[in-house]
Every structure is written in structure tokens, then in C-alpha cells.
Amino acid sequence: MGIPIRIDEALYETAKVRAKAEMRSIPQQVAYWAKVGKAALDNPDLPVEFVRDTLLALEEESEPFDFPNP
């Protein structure tokens, strides 16, 4: 369930452009920015690019890697 919020028109327009480029809806883009921003604020010692890349990696589907026996 979504909750309507008011945001600055310039932020909305920026989100609209980025959402289209990143194949998200506008609400998904704003939620993504909020998630990255919250994680960055919770971890001020880490570069925001590292936080962003880590969150993206956590969303990717992956399979366990089996190390071959020597």
C-alpha cells in the first residue's frame, strides 16, 4: 500500500528522468533514493557508491559457488 506524499517539483522531474533511464516507476525511484540515502546515513564511514553497489548486489539473484576440490 502506498501513501501519497508531497515532494518538490524539481525532485519529481529528476526522479521521472532517472526512473525512465533505470526502468523504474517514479515512486520506485524515490524509494530507491531513500533506501540508498538511509543506508549512507547509517554508515557515514562508507562511500555512498559502496553503499549503492552493496544494496544492488543484495538485490541480485545468485547461486552458491562450489569450490573445486584440488
PDB file of N, CA and C in Angstrom:
ATOM      1  N   MET A   1       0.843  -1.174   0.000  1.00  0.00           N
ATOM      2  CA  MET A   1       0.000   0.000   0.000  1.00  0.00           C
ATOM      3  C   MET A   1       0.888   1.237   0.000  1.00  0.00           C
ATOM      4  N   GLY A   2       0.581   2.164  -0.845  1.00  0.00           N
ATOM      5  CA  GLY A   2       1.347   3.392  -0.912  1.00  0.00           C
ATOM      6  C   GLY A   2       0.673   4.503  -0.137  1.00  0.00           C
ATOM      7  N   ILE A   3       1.482   5.442   0.279  1.00  0.00           N
ATOM      8  CA  ILE A   3       0.992   6.615   0.984  1.00  0.00           C
ATOM      9  C   ILE A   3       1.421   7.836   0.185  1.00  0.00           C
ATOM     10  N   PRO A   4       0.469   8.669  -0.225  1.00  0.00           N
ATOM     11  CA  PRO A   4       0.860   9.844  -1.006  1.00  0.00           C
ATOM     12  C   PRO A   4       1.662  10.837  -0.162  1.00  0.00           C
ATOM     13  N   ILE A   5       2.683  11.392  -0.786  1.00  0.00           N
ATOM     14  CA  ILE A   5       3.493  12.423  -0.125  1.00  0.00           C
ATOM     15  C   ILE A   5       3.701  13.567  -1.105  1.00  0.00           C
ATOM     16  N   ARG A   6       4.029  14.726  -0.575  1.00  0.00           N
ATOM     17  CA  ARG A   6       4.351  15.875  -1.420  1.00  0.00           C
ATOM     18  C   ARG A   6       5.872  15.993  -1.500  1.00  0.00           C
ATOM     19  N   ILE A   7       6.346  16.171  -2.734  1.00  0.00           N
ATOM     20  CA  ILE A   7       7.772  16.414  -2.933  1.00  0.00           C
ATOM     21  C   ILE A   7       7.927  17.611  -3.862  1.00  0.00           C
ATOM     22  N   ASP A   8       9.087  18.201  -3.815  1.00  0.00           N
ATOM     23  CA  ASP A   8       9.414  19.341  -4.647  1.00  0.00           C
ATOM     24  C   ASP A   8       9.286  18.959  -6.122  1.00  0.00           C
ATOM     25  N   GLU A   9       8.762  19.868  -6.931  1.00  0.00           N
ATOM     26  CA  GLU A   9       8.546  19.588  -8.347  1.00  0.00           C
ATOM     27  C   GLU A   9       9.851  19.266  -9.071  1.00  0.00           C
ATOM     28  N   ALA A  10      10.927  19.952  -8.711  1.00  0.00           N
ATOM     29  CA  ALA A  10      12.217  19.680  -9.353  1.00  0.00           C
ATOM     30  C   ALA A  10      12.704  18.264  -9.029  1.00  0.00           C
ATOM     31  N   LEU A  11      12.513  17.834  -7.794  1.00  0.00           N
ATOM     32  CA  LEU A  11      12.878  16.476  -7.406  1.00  0.00           C
ATOM     33  C   LEU A  11      12.037  15.460  -8.179  1.00  0.00           C
ATOM     34  N   TYR A  12      10.754  15.744  -8.328  1.00  0.00           N
ATOM     35  CA  TYR A  12       9.859  14.867  -9.083  1.00  0.00           C
ATOM     36  C   TYR A  12      10.331  14.733 -10.535  1.00  0.00           C
ATOM     37  N   GLU A  13      10.664  15.851 -11.155  1.00  0.00           N
ATOM     38  CA  GLU A  13      11.104  15.818 -12.554  1.00  0.00           C
ATOM     39  C   GLU A  13      12.420  15.054 -12.700  1.00  0.00           C
ATOM     40  N   THR A  14      13.330  15.235 -11.758  1.00  0.00           N
ATOM     41  CA  THR A  14      14.589  14.491 -11.789  1.00  0.00           C
ATOM     42  C   THR A  14      14.322  12.995 -11.620  1.00  0.00           C
ATOM     43  N   ALA A  15      13.440  12.659 -10.690  1.00  0.00           N
ATOM     44  CA  ALA A  15      13.085  11.259 -10.467  1.00  0.00           C
ATOM     45  C   ALA A  15      12.431  10.660 -11.708  1.00  0.00           C
ATOM     46  N   LYS A  16      11.637  11.447 -12.398  1.00  0.00           N
ATOM     47  CA  LYS A  16      10.957  10.993 -13.607  1.00  0.00           C
ATOM     48  C   LYS A  16      11.971  10.597 -14.680  1.00  0.00           C
ATOM     49  N   VAL A  17      12.985  11.437 -14.868  1.00  0.00           N
ATOM     50  CA  VAL A  17      14.018  11.164 -15.866  1.00  0.00           C
ATOM     51  C   VAL A  17      14.839   9.934 -15.479  1.00  0.00           C
ATOM     52  N   ARG A  18      15.294   9.902 -14.222  1.00  0.00           N
ATOM     53  CA  ARG A  18      16.111   8.777 -13.756  1.00  0.00           C
ATOM     54  C   ARG A  18      15.319   7.483 -13.736  1.00  0.00           C
ATOM     55  N   ALA A  19      14.049   7.556 -13.365  1.00  0.00           N
ATOM     56  CA  ALA A  19      13.204   6.363 -13.327  1.00  0.00           C
ATOM     57  C   ALA A  19      13.095   5.749 -14.716  1.00  0.00           C
ATOM     58  N   LYS A  20      12.903   6.589 -15.714  1.00  0.00           N
ATOM     59  CA  LYS A  20      12.801   6.095 -17.086  1.00  0.00           C
ATOM     60  C   LYS A  20      14.115   5.444 -17.512  1.00  0.00           C
ATOM     61  N   ALA A  21      15.230   6.081 -17.195  1.00  0.00           N
ATOM     62  CA  ALA A  21      16.543   5.565 -17.577  1.00  0.00           C
ATOM     63  C   ALA A  21      16.868   4.253 -16.858  1.00  0.00           C
ATOM     64  N   GLU A  22      16.396   4.116 -15.630  1.00  0.00           N
ATOM     65  CA  GLU A  22      16.713   2.932 -14.832  1.00  0.00           C
ATOM     66  C   GLU A  22      15.562   1.929 -14.797  1.00  0.00           C
ATOM     67  N   MET A  23      14.569   2.151 -15.674  1.00  0.00           N
ATOM     68  CA  MET A  23      13.421   1.250 -15.816  1.00  0.00           C
ATOM     69  C   MET A  23      12.695   1.001 -14.498  1.00  0.00           C
ATOM     70  N   ARG A  24      12.400   2.092 -13.793  1.00  0.00           N
ATOM     71  CA  ARG A  24      11.620   2.048 -12.555  1.00  0.00           C
ATOM     72  C   ARG A  24      10.451   2.999 -12.713  1.00  0.00           C
ATOM     73  N   SER A  25       9.463   2.834 -11.843  1.00  0.00           N
ATOM     74  CA  SER A  25       8.410   3.834 -11.770  1.00  0.00           C
ATOM     75  C   SER A  25       8.963   5.014 -10.968  1.00  0.00           C
ATOM     76  N   ILE A  26       8.288   6.125 -11.023  1.00  0.00           N
ATOM     77  CA  ILE A  26       8.739   7.296 -10.253  1.00  0.00           C
ATOM     78  C   ILE A  26       8.720   6.993  -8.749  1.00  0.00           C
ATOM     79  N   PRO A  27       7.649   6.390  -8.208  1.00  0.00           N
ATOM     80  CA  PRO A  27       7.687   6.044  -6.783  1.00  0.00           C
ATOM     81  C   PRO A  27       8.809   5.062  -6.432  1.00  0.00           C
ATOM     82  N   GLN A  28       9.088   4.113  -7.326  1.00  0.00           N
ATOM     83  CA  GLN A  28      10.193   3.187  -7.075  1.00  0.00           C
ATOM     84  C   GLN A  28      11.529   3.916  -7.062  1.00  0.00           C
ATOM     85  N   GLN A  29      11.693   4.918  -7.937  1.00  0.00           N
ATOM     86  CA  GLN A  29      12.939   5.679  -7.976  1.00  0.00           C
ATOM     87  C   GLN A  29      13.136   6.468  -6.694  1.00  0.00           C
ATOM     88  N   VAL A  30      12.079   7.132  -6.237  1.00  0.00           N
ATOM     89  CA  VAL A  30      12.183   7.906  -4.996  1.00  0.00           C
ATOM     90  C   VAL A  30      12.453   6.969  -3.818  1.00  0.00           C
ATOM     91  N   ALA A  31      11.799   5.812  -3.789  1.00  0.00           N
ATOM     92  CA  ALA A  31      12.038   4.838  -2.713  1.00  0.00           C
ATOM     93  C   ALA A  31      13.476   4.324  -2.758  1.00  0.00           C
ATOM     94  N   TYR A  32      14.000   4.116  -3.961  1.00  0.00           N
ATOM     95  CA  TYR A  32      15.389   3.674  -4.114  1.00  0.00           C
ATOM     96  C   TYR A  32      16.350   4.721  -3.557  1.00  0.00           C
ATOM     97  N   TRP A  33      16.127   5.981  -3.940  1.00  0.00           N
ATOM     98  CA  TRP A  33      16.975   7.050  -3.410  1.00  0.00           C
ATOM     99  C   TRP A  33      16.893   7.114  -1.891  1.00  0.00           C
ATOM    100  N   ALA A  34      15.704   6.948  -1.352  1.00  0.00           N
ATOM    101  CA  ALA A  34      15.536   6.982   0.106  1.00  0.00           C
ATOM    102  C   ALA A  34      16.292   5.829   0.763  1.00  0.00           C
ATOM    103  N   LYS A  35      16.227   4.648   0.153  1.00  0.00           N
ATOM    104  CA  LYS A  35      16.911   3.480   0.706  1.00  0.00           C
ATOM    105  C   LYS A  35      18.425   3.687   0.706  1.00  0.00           C
ATOM    106  N   VAL A  36      18.949   4.183  -0.418  1.00  0.00           N
ATOM    107  CA  VAL A  36      20.394   4.439  -0.508  1.00  0.00           C
ATOM    108  C   VAL A  36      20.796   5.541   0.478  1.00  0.00           C
ATOM    109  N   GLY A  37      20.017   6.597   0.539  1.00  0.00           N
ATOM    110  CA  GLY A  37      20.316   7.693   1.463  1.00  0.00           C
ATOM    111  C   GLY A  37      20.290   7.253   2.914  1.00  0.00           C
ATOM    112  N   LYS A  38      19.304   6.455   3.298  1.00  0.00           N
ATOM    113  CA  LYS A  38      19.217   5.970   4.672  1.00  0.00           C
ATOM    114  C   LYS A  38      20.421   5.093   5.002  1.00  0.00           C
ATOM    115  N   ALA A  39      20.764   4.182   4.081  1.00  0.00           N
ATOM    116  CA  ALA A  39      21.910   3.309   4.315  1.00  0.00           C
ATOM    117  C   ALA A  39      23.204   4.118   4.405  1.00  0.00           C
ATOM    118  N   ALA A  40      23.331   5.157   3.574  1.00  0.00           N
ATOM    119  CA  ALA A  40      24.527   6.008   3.620  1.00  0.00           C
ATOM    120  C   ALA A  40      24.605   6.768   4.945  1.00  0.00           C
ATOM    121  N   LEU A  41      23.471   7.262   5.425  1.00  0.00           N
ATOM    122  CA  LEU A  41      23.460   7.965   6.709  1.00  0.00           C
ATOM    123  C   LEU A  41      23.737   7.026   7.874  1.00  0.00           C
ATOM    124  N   ASP A  42      23.275   5.783   7.751  1.00  0.00           N
ATOM    125  CA  ASP A  42      23.528   4.783   8.794  1.00  0.00           C
ATOM    126  C   ASP A  42      24.976   4.311   8.807  1.00  0.00           C
ATOM    127  N   ASN A  43      25.692   4.539   7.705  1.00  0.00           N
ATOM    128  CA  ASN A  43      27.088   4.100   7.567  1.00  0.00           C
ATOM    129  C   ASN A  43      27.942   5.250   7.040  1.00  0.00           C
ATOM    130  N   PRO A  44      28.105   6.315   7.827  1.00  0.00           N
ATOM    131  CA  PRO A  44      28.788   7.509   7.323  1.00  0.00           C
ATOM    132  C   PRO A  44      30.265   7.292   6.980  1.00  0.00           C
ATOM    133  N   ASP A  45      30.859   6.201   7.452  1.00  0.00           N
ATOM    134  CA  ASP A  45      32.258   5.941   7.158  1.00  0.00           C
ATOM    135  C   ASP A  45      32.461   5.293   5.790  1.00  0.00           C
ATOM    136  N   LEU A  46      31.368   4.890   5.125  1.00  0.00           N
ATOM    137  CA  LEU A  46      31.477   4.242   3.820  1.00  0.00           C
ATOM    138  C   LEU A  46      31.118   5.218   2.700  1.00  0.00           C
ATOM    139  N   PRO A  47      31.816   5.115   1.568  1.00  0.00           N
ATOM    140  CA  PRO A  47      31.462   5.959   0.418  1.00  0.00           C
ATOM    141  C   PRO A  47      30.060   5.593  -0.086  1.00  0.00           C
ATOM    142  N   VAL A  48      29.306   6.577  -0.520  1.00  0.00           N
ATOM    143  CA  VAL A  48      27.936   6.335  -0.973  1.00  0.00           C
ATOM    144  C   VAL A  48      27.918   5.376  -2.164  1.00  0.00           C
ATOM    145  N   GLU A  49      28.938   5.403  -3.002  1.00  0.00           N
ATOM    146  CA  GLU A  49      29.000   4.477  -4.136  1.00  0.00           C
ATOM    147  C   GLU A  49      29.093   3.032  -3.640  1.00  0.00           C
ATOM    148  N   PHE A  50      29.851   2.813  -2.570  1.00  0.00           N
ATOM    149  CA  PHE A  50      29.968   1.469  -1.992  1.00  0.00           C
ATOM    150  C   PHE A  50      28.622   1.023  -1.431  1.00  0.00           C
ATOM    151  N   VAL A  51      27.938   1.927  -0.744  1.00  0.00           N
ATOM    152  CA  VAL A  51      26.616   1.619  -0.186  1.00  0.00           C
ATOM    153  C   VAL A  51      25.661   1.257  -1.320  1.00  0.00           C
ATOM    154  N   ARG A  52      25.631   2.070  -2.365  1.00  0.00           N
ATOM    155  CA  ARG A  52      24.753   1.816  -3.510  1.00  0.00           C
ATOM    156  C   ARG A  52      25.053   0.471  -4.152  1.00  0.00           C
ATOM    157  N   ASP A  53      26.332   0.201  -4.403  1.00  0.00           N
ATOM    158  CA  ASP A  53      26.709  -1.052  -5.052  1.00  0.00           C
ATOM    159  C   ASP A  53      26.389  -2.260  -4.179  1.00  0.00           C
ATOM    160  N   THR A  54      26.545  -2.118  -2.879  1.00  0.00           N
ATOM    161  CA  THR A  54      26.218  -3.210  -1.963  1.00  0.00           C
ATOM    162  C   THR A  54      24.723  -3.496  -1.970  1.00  0.00           C
ATOM    163  N   LEU A  55      23.906  -2.449  -1.949  1.00  0.00           N
ATOM    164  CA  LEU A  55      22.458  -2.653  -1.990  1.00  0.00           C
ATOM    165  C   LEU A  55      22.038  -3.304  -3.310  1.00  0.00           C
ATOM    166  N   LEU A  56      22.657  -2.901  -4.403  1.00  0.00           N
ATOM    167  CA  LEU A  56      22.355  -3.524  -5.697  1.00  0.00           C
ATOM    168  C   LEU A  56      22.758  -4.998  -5.699  1.00  0.00           C
ATOM    169  N   ALA A  57      23.910  -5.306  -5.142  1.00  0.00           N
ATOM    170  CA  ALA A  57      24.369  -6.691  -5.095  1.00  0.00           C
ATOM    171  C   ALA A  57      23.433  -7.557  -4.248  1.00  0.00           C
ATOM    172  N   LEU A  58      22.901  -7.000  -3.177  1.00  0.00           N
ATOM    173  CA  LEU A  58      21.989  -7.756  -2.332  1.00  0.00           C
ATOM    174  C   LEU A  58      20.682  -8.086  -3.053  1.00  0.00           C
ATOM    175  N   GLU A  59      20.298  -7.271  -4.024  1.00  0.00           N
ATOM    176  CA  GLU A  59      19.067  -7.500  -4.775  1.00  0.00           C
ATOM    177  C   GLU A  59      19.241  -8.482  -5.923  1.00  0.00           C
ATOM    178  N   GLU A  60      20.475  -8.743  -6.326  1.00  0.00           N
ATOM    179  CA  GLU A  60      20.718  -9.650  -7.448  1.00  0.00           C
ATOM    180  C   GLU A  60      20.501 -11.090  -7.034  1.00  0.00           C
ATOM    181  N   GLU A  61      19.953 -11.856  -7.974  1.00  0.00           N
ATOM    182  CA  GLU A  61      19.819 -13.279  -7.735  1.00  0.00           C
ATOM    183  C   GLU A  61      21.186 -13.913  -7.903  1.00  0.00           C
ATOM    184  N   SER A  62      21.508 -14.848  -7.038  1.00  0.00           N
ATOM    185  CA  SER A  62      22.802 -15.506  -7.138  1.00  0.00           C
ATOM    186  C   SER A  62      22.665 -16.956  -6.697  1.00  0.00           C
ATOM    187  N   GLU A  63      23.612 -17.750  -7.138  1.00  0.00           N
ATOM    188  CA  GLU A  63      23.665 -19.147  -6.751  1.00  0.00           C
ATOM    189  C   GLU A  63      24.953 -19.364  -5.966  1.00  0.00           C
ATOM    190  N   PRO A  64      24.939 -20.289  -5.016  1.00  0.00           N
ATOM    191  CA  PRO A  64      26.154 -20.551  -4.259  1.00  0.00           C
ATOM    192  C   PRO A  64      27.276 -21.038  -5.176  1.00  0.00           C
ATOM    193  N   PHE A  65      28.482 -20.686  -4.852  1.00  0.00           N
ATOM    194  CA  PHE A  65      29.645 -21.100  -5.632  1.00  0.00           C
ATOM    195  C   PHE A  65      30.272 -22.303  -4.955  1.00  0.00           C
ATOM    196  N   ASP A  66      30.481 -23.344  -5.714  1.00  0.00           N
ATOM    197  CA  ASP A  66      31.153 -24.547  -5.182  1.00  0.00           C
ATOM    198  C   ASP A  66      32.605 -24.502  -5.581  1.00  0.00           C
ATOM    199  N   PHE A  67      33.484 -24.521  -4.581  1.00  0.00           N
ATOM    200  CA  PHE A  67      34.913 -24.544  -4.851  1.00  0.00           C
ATOM    201  C   PHE A  67      35.312 -25.963  -5.253  1.00  0.00           C
ATOM    202  N   PRO A  68      36.078 -26.093  -6.320  1.00  0.00           N
ATOM    203  CA  PRO A  68      36.507 -27.451  -6.726  1.00  0.00           C
ATOM    204  C   PRO A  68      37.519 -28.007  -5.729  1.00  0.00           C
ATOM    205  N   ASN A  69      37.455 -29.312  -5.535  1.00  0.00           N
ATOM    206  CA  ASN A  69      38.429 -29.976  -4.652  1.00  0.00           C
ATOM    207  C   ASN A  69      39.727 -30.155  -5.427  1.00  0.00           C
ATOM    208  N   PRO A  70      40.886 -29.831  -4.792  1.00  0.00           N
ATOM    209  CA  PRO A  70      42.171 -29.969  -5.501  1.00  0.00           C
ATOM    210  C   PRO A  70      42.560 -31.402  -5.737  1.00  0.00           C
TER     211      PRO A  70
END
